[in-house]
N, C-alpha and C. Protein backbone atom coordinates (compact mmCIF):
# COMPACT_ATOMS: atom_id res chain seq x y z
N GLN A 1 100.15 84.20 93.05
CA GLN A 1 99.92 85.42 93.83
C GLN A 1 98.47 85.86 93.65
N VAL A 2 97.86 86.28 94.72
CA VAL A 2 96.48 86.76 94.71
C VAL A 2 96.46 88.23 95.08
N GLN A 3 95.80 89.03 94.28
CA GLN A 3 95.60 90.44 94.60
C GLN A 3 94.14 90.60 95.05
N LEU A 4 93.98 91.29 96.17
CA LEU A 4 92.65 91.52 96.73
C LEU A 4 92.35 93.01 96.72
N VAL A 5 91.16 93.35 96.25
CA VAL A 5 90.76 94.76 96.19
C VAL A 5 89.42 94.90 96.90
N GLU A 6 89.41 95.72 97.97
CA GLU A 6 88.18 95.95 98.72
C GLU A 6 87.51 97.23 98.23
N SER A 7 86.22 97.28 98.43
CA SER A 7 85.46 98.49 98.16
C SER A 7 84.21 98.47 99.02
N GLY A 8 83.57 99.64 99.13
CA GLY A 8 82.29 99.70 99.80
C GLY A 8 82.27 100.37 101.16
N GLY A 9 83.43 100.77 101.66
CA GLY A 9 83.44 101.45 102.95
C GLY A 9 82.86 102.85 102.84
N GLY A 10 82.72 103.50 103.99
CA GLY A 10 82.20 104.86 103.99
C GLY A 10 81.74 105.28 105.36
N LEU A 11 81.01 106.39 105.39
CA LEU A 11 80.47 106.95 106.62
C LEU A 11 78.97 106.67 106.67
N VAL A 12 78.51 106.15 107.80
CA VAL A 12 77.09 105.82 107.94
C VAL A 12 76.67 106.11 109.38
N GLN A 13 75.42 106.43 109.57
CA GLN A 13 74.90 106.65 110.92
C GLN A 13 74.63 105.31 111.60
N ALA A 14 74.65 105.35 112.92
CA ALA A 14 74.33 104.14 113.68
C ALA A 14 72.97 103.60 113.26
N GLY A 15 72.90 102.28 113.11
CA GLY A 15 71.69 101.65 112.64
C GLY A 15 71.64 101.44 111.14
N GLY A 16 72.57 102.05 110.44
CA GLY A 16 72.61 101.95 108.99
C GLY A 16 73.32 100.70 108.50
N SER A 17 73.47 100.62 107.18
CA SER A 17 74.05 99.44 106.55
C SER A 17 75.11 99.83 105.53
N LEU A 18 76.05 98.94 105.35
CA LEU A 18 77.05 99.03 104.30
C LEU A 18 77.33 97.63 103.78
N ARG A 19 77.75 97.54 102.54
CA ARG A 19 78.19 96.26 101.99
C ARG A 19 79.61 96.42 101.46
N LEU A 20 80.52 95.62 102.00
CA LEU A 20 81.89 95.60 101.54
C LEU A 20 82.07 94.50 100.51
N SER A 21 82.93 94.76 99.54
CA SER A 21 83.26 93.76 98.53
C SER A 21 84.75 93.51 98.52
N CYS A 22 85.11 92.28 98.22
CA CYS A 22 86.51 91.89 98.09
C CYS A 22 86.64 91.07 96.82
N ALA A 23 87.29 91.63 95.83
CA ALA A 23 87.47 90.95 94.55
C ALA A 23 88.90 90.46 94.43
N ALA A 24 89.04 89.25 93.95
CA ALA A 24 90.36 88.65 93.79
C ALA A 24 90.75 88.62 92.33
N SER A 25 92.02 88.87 92.09
CA SER A 25 92.57 88.71 90.74
C SER A 25 93.91 88.00 90.85
N GLY A 26 94.35 87.46 89.76
CA GLY A 26 95.60 86.72 89.76
C GLY A 26 95.38 85.24 89.90
N ARG A 27 94.59 84.87 90.86
CA ARG A 27 94.20 83.48 91.08
C ARG A 27 92.79 83.47 91.63
N THR A 28 92.13 82.38 91.46
CA THR A 28 90.80 82.28 92.07
C THR A 28 90.96 81.99 93.55
N PHE A 29 89.93 82.36 94.30
CA PHE A 29 89.91 82.07 95.72
C PHE A 29 89.96 80.56 95.95
N SER A 30 90.57 80.19 97.05
CA SER A 30 90.49 78.82 97.55
C SER A 30 90.65 78.92 99.06
N ASN A 31 90.44 77.83 99.75
CA ASN A 31 90.55 77.85 101.21
C ASN A 31 89.56 78.84 101.80
N TYR A 32 90.00 79.64 102.77
CA TYR A 32 89.12 80.59 103.44
C TYR A 32 89.34 82.00 102.93
N VAL A 33 88.26 82.76 102.92
CA VAL A 33 88.34 84.20 102.72
C VAL A 33 87.79 84.84 103.99
N ARG A 34 88.48 85.83 104.47
CA ARG A 34 88.16 86.39 105.79
C ARG A 34 88.06 87.91 105.72
N TRP A 35 87.34 88.44 106.65
CA TRP A 35 87.36 89.88 106.91
C TRP A 35 87.93 90.10 108.30
N PHE A 36 88.91 90.98 108.38
CA PHE A 36 89.46 91.46 109.63
C PHE A 36 89.14 92.95 109.73
N ARG A 37 89.25 93.48 110.93
CA ARG A 37 89.11 94.92 111.10
C ARG A 37 90.08 95.41 112.17
N GLN A 38 90.46 96.68 112.04
CA GLN A 38 91.34 97.30 113.02
C GLN A 38 90.73 98.62 113.47
N PRO A 39 90.12 98.63 114.66
CA PRO A 39 89.57 99.88 115.19
C PRO A 39 90.69 100.85 115.55
N PRO A 40 90.39 102.12 115.66
CA PRO A 40 91.43 103.11 116.01
C PRO A 40 92.10 102.77 117.33
N GLY A 41 93.42 102.70 117.33
CA GLY A 41 94.19 102.44 118.53
C GLY A 41 94.13 101.02 119.04
N LYS A 42 93.56 100.10 118.27
CA LYS A 42 93.44 98.71 118.72
C LYS A 42 94.09 97.77 117.72
N GLU A 43 94.21 96.52 118.13
CA GLU A 43 94.80 95.53 117.26
C GLU A 43 93.78 95.04 116.23
N ARG A 44 94.32 94.50 115.15
CA ARG A 44 93.47 93.92 114.13
C ARG A 44 92.80 92.66 114.66
N GLU A 45 91.53 92.47 114.33
CA GLU A 45 90.79 91.31 114.80
C GLU A 45 90.00 90.66 113.68
N PHE A 46 89.83 89.34 113.82
CA PHE A 46 89.00 88.59 112.90
C PHE A 46 87.54 88.99 113.09
N VAL A 47 86.82 89.12 111.97
CA VAL A 47 85.40 89.47 112.02
C VAL A 47 84.54 88.33 111.48
N ALA A 48 84.87 87.86 110.28
CA ALA A 48 84.05 86.84 109.64
C ALA A 48 84.90 86.10 108.62
N GLY A 49 84.50 84.85 108.36
CA GLY A 49 85.22 84.06 107.36
C GLY A 49 84.27 83.11 106.67
N ILE A 50 84.64 82.70 105.47
CA ILE A 50 83.82 81.77 104.71
C ILE A 50 84.73 80.78 104.00
N SER A 51 84.33 79.53 104.02
CA SER A 51 85.05 78.52 103.25
C SER A 51 84.65 78.64 101.79
N TRP A 52 85.62 78.84 100.93
CA TRP A 52 85.29 79.04 99.51
C TRP A 52 84.66 77.79 98.90
N SER A 53 85.06 76.62 99.36
CA SER A 53 84.55 75.39 98.77
C SER A 53 83.18 75.01 99.33
N SER A 54 83.01 75.09 100.65
CA SER A 54 81.77 74.61 101.25
C SER A 54 80.77 75.71 101.54
N GLY A 55 81.25 76.95 101.66
CA GLY A 55 80.36 78.05 102.00
C GLY A 55 80.06 78.18 103.49
N ILE A 56 80.68 77.33 104.32
CA ILE A 56 80.46 77.43 105.76
C ILE A 56 80.99 78.77 106.25
N ARG A 57 80.23 79.40 107.15
CA ARG A 57 80.54 80.76 107.59
C ARG A 57 80.87 80.79 109.07
N PHE A 58 81.70 81.75 109.43
CA PHE A 58 82.14 81.93 110.81
C PHE A 58 82.08 83.41 111.14
N TYR A 59 81.71 83.72 112.40
CA TYR A 59 81.61 85.12 112.82
C TYR A 59 82.11 85.26 114.26
N ILE A 60 82.58 86.47 114.58
CA ILE A 60 82.79 86.76 115.99
C ILE A 60 81.43 87.07 116.60
N ASP A 61 81.33 86.88 117.90
CA ASP A 61 80.03 87.01 118.57
C ASP A 61 79.42 88.40 118.40
N SER A 62 80.25 89.42 118.40
CA SER A 62 79.74 90.79 118.40
C SER A 62 79.05 91.18 117.09
N VAL A 63 79.22 90.41 116.04
CA VAL A 63 78.58 90.75 114.76
C VAL A 63 77.54 89.73 114.33
N LYS A 64 77.40 88.65 115.07
CA LYS A 64 76.40 87.63 114.72
C LYS A 64 75.01 88.24 114.70
N GLY A 65 74.26 87.93 113.66
CA GLY A 65 72.92 88.48 113.52
C GLY A 65 72.87 89.84 112.85
N ARG A 66 74.04 90.47 112.69
CA ARG A 66 74.09 91.79 112.05
C ARG A 66 74.89 91.75 110.74
N PHE A 67 75.96 90.98 110.70
CA PHE A 67 76.80 90.90 109.52
C PHE A 67 76.58 89.55 108.83
N THR A 68 76.69 89.56 107.50
CA THR A 68 76.60 88.34 106.72
C THR A 68 77.72 88.32 105.69
N ILE A 69 78.50 87.25 105.71
CA ILE A 69 79.54 87.07 104.71
C ILE A 69 79.00 86.13 103.64
N SER A 70 79.29 86.44 102.39
CA SER A 70 78.80 85.61 101.29
C SER A 70 79.81 85.63 100.17
N ARG A 71 79.61 84.73 99.21
CA ARG A 71 80.54 84.65 98.10
C ARG A 71 79.80 84.53 96.79
N ASP A 72 80.45 85.01 95.73
CA ASP A 72 79.96 84.86 94.37
C ASP A 72 81.08 84.18 93.59
N ASN A 73 80.92 82.88 93.37
CA ASN A 73 81.99 82.12 92.73
C ASN A 73 82.28 82.63 91.32
N ALA A 74 81.25 83.00 90.59
CA ALA A 74 81.44 83.44 89.20
C ALA A 74 82.24 84.73 89.13
N LYS A 75 82.07 85.59 90.13
CA LYS A 75 82.77 86.88 90.13
C LYS A 75 84.04 86.83 90.96
N ASN A 76 84.30 85.69 91.59
CA ASN A 76 85.48 85.56 92.45
C ASN A 76 85.52 86.70 93.48
N THR A 77 84.38 86.92 94.10
CA THR A 77 84.19 88.05 95.00
C THR A 77 83.52 87.58 96.29
N VAL A 78 83.95 88.17 97.39
CA VAL A 78 83.34 87.92 98.69
C VAL A 78 82.77 89.24 99.19
N TYR A 79 81.62 89.14 99.85
CA TYR A 79 80.94 90.32 100.35
C TYR A 79 80.79 90.24 101.87
N LEU A 80 80.71 91.40 102.49
CA LEU A 80 80.36 91.49 103.90
C LEU A 80 79.22 92.50 104.01
N GLN A 81 78.02 91.99 104.20
CA GLN A 81 76.86 92.84 104.41
C GLN A 81 76.79 93.18 105.88
N MET A 82 76.80 94.45 106.19
CA MET A 82 76.82 94.90 107.58
C MET A 82 75.56 95.72 107.85
N ASN A 83 74.71 95.21 108.70
CA ASN A 83 73.46 95.88 109.08
C ASN A 83 73.50 96.28 110.54
N SER A 84 72.60 97.15 110.92
CA SER A 84 72.50 97.60 112.32
C SER A 84 73.86 98.02 112.86
N LEU A 85 74.55 98.81 112.08
CA LEU A 85 75.92 99.20 112.44
C LEU A 85 75.93 100.03 113.72
N LYS A 86 76.99 99.84 114.49
CA LYS A 86 77.19 100.54 115.75
C LYS A 86 78.48 101.34 115.69
N PRO A 87 78.59 102.39 116.49
CA PRO A 87 79.85 103.15 116.50
C PRO A 87 81.08 102.27 116.76
N GLU A 88 80.93 101.23 117.55
CA GLU A 88 82.07 100.36 117.84
C GLU A 88 82.48 99.50 116.64
N ASP A 89 81.71 99.53 115.56
CA ASP A 89 82.12 98.85 114.33
C ASP A 89 83.07 99.71 113.50
N THR A 90 83.30 100.94 113.92
CA THR A 90 84.21 101.82 113.21
C THR A 90 85.61 101.22 113.19
N ALA A 91 86.16 101.08 111.98
CA ALA A 91 87.47 100.44 111.83
C ALA A 91 87.87 100.47 110.36
N ILE A 92 89.13 100.13 110.12
CA ILE A 92 89.54 99.80 108.77
C ILE A 92 89.28 98.30 108.59
N TYR A 93 88.58 97.96 107.55
CA TYR A 93 88.23 96.56 107.28
C TYR A 93 89.13 96.04 106.17
N TYR A 94 89.69 94.86 106.43
CA TYR A 94 90.63 94.24 105.50
C TYR A 94 90.10 92.88 105.04
N CYS A 95 90.22 92.62 103.77
CA CYS A 95 89.96 91.30 103.23
C CYS A 95 91.25 90.48 103.32
N ASN A 96 91.09 89.22 103.63
CA ASN A 96 92.25 88.34 103.77
C ASN A 96 91.92 86.97 103.16
N ALA A 97 92.90 86.35 102.57
CA ALA A 97 92.65 85.04 101.95
C ALA A 97 93.88 84.16 102.05
N GLY A 98 93.65 82.88 101.85
CA GLY A 98 94.75 81.94 101.84
C GLY A 98 94.55 80.83 102.84
N PRO A 99 95.45 79.86 102.82
CA PRO A 99 95.32 78.69 103.70
C PRO A 99 95.53 79.03 105.16
N GLY A 100 95.10 78.11 106.01
CA GLY A 100 95.23 78.28 107.44
C GLY A 100 93.90 78.12 108.12
N LEU A 101 93.91 78.28 109.42
CA LEU A 101 92.66 78.21 110.17
C LEU A 101 91.79 79.42 109.84
N VAL A 102 90.48 79.25 109.94
CA VAL A 102 89.59 80.30 109.47
C VAL A 102 89.77 81.59 110.25
N ARG A 103 90.06 81.53 111.53
CA ARG A 103 90.17 82.73 112.35
C ARG A 103 91.58 83.29 112.39
N GLU A 104 92.48 82.68 111.65
CA GLU A 104 93.86 83.18 111.57
C GLU A 104 94.15 83.67 110.16
N ALA A 105 94.93 84.73 110.07
CA ALA A 105 95.15 85.36 108.78
C ALA A 105 95.94 84.48 107.84
N GLY A 106 95.52 84.46 106.57
CA GLY A 106 96.30 83.86 105.51
C GLY A 106 97.29 84.86 104.96
N PRO A 107 98.01 84.52 103.92
CA PRO A 107 99.10 85.37 103.43
C PRO A 107 98.68 86.55 102.56
N TYR A 108 97.45 86.60 102.12
CA TYR A 108 97.06 87.64 101.16
C TYR A 108 96.12 88.65 101.81
N TRP A 109 96.46 89.94 101.62
CA TRP A 109 95.70 91.04 102.22
C TRP A 109 95.30 92.05 101.16
N GLY A 110 94.13 92.63 101.35
CA GLY A 110 93.75 93.79 100.58
C GLY A 110 94.30 95.04 101.23
N GLN A 111 94.01 96.18 100.62
CA GLN A 111 94.56 97.45 101.08
C GLN A 111 93.77 98.04 102.25
N GLY A 112 92.57 97.55 102.47
CA GLY A 112 91.74 98.05 103.56
C GLY A 112 90.76 99.10 103.08
N THR A 113 89.62 99.16 103.74
CA THR A 113 88.61 100.17 103.44
C THR A 113 88.04 100.69 104.77
N GLN A 114 87.91 102.00 104.87
CA GLN A 114 87.49 102.62 106.12
C GLN A 114 85.97 102.56 106.27
N VAL A 115 85.53 102.12 107.43
CA VAL A 115 84.12 102.16 107.81
C VAL A 115 84.01 103.03 109.06
N THR A 116 83.21 104.07 108.97
CA THR A 116 82.99 104.97 110.10
C THR A 116 81.51 105.04 110.41
N VAL A 117 81.15 104.73 111.64
CA VAL A 117 79.76 104.74 112.08
C VAL A 117 79.59 105.85 113.10
N SER A 118 78.77 106.81 112.77
CA SER A 118 78.55 107.94 113.67
C SER A 118 77.36 107.67 114.58
N SER A 119 77.42 108.22 115.79
CA SER A 119 76.34 107.99 116.75
C SER A 119 75.26 109.05 116.64
């Protein structure tokens, strides 16, 4: 069993930055680690993913060039650096891990962290 704990959300003005963290306990990461988000009144969507073994990264088009997913193997932690934030990035952000395709959710979820971008 893997427990995921997110941190780093908050309120920021448009154009600002936030860094989200996802720390795993119970087991070390393997396969893919992903970030999903759920905007108000909308479905949850894939945002970014990283292969824990190779470090290959994947993003949705709307965040390319603004968001960076990275990993720290020693800390068993994945980060999502979010720059040039826009109001449409407002959502609850969830860390997700486990086997499967990179853009599809694995079995392990964090509790979510709120990101609010004001205009």
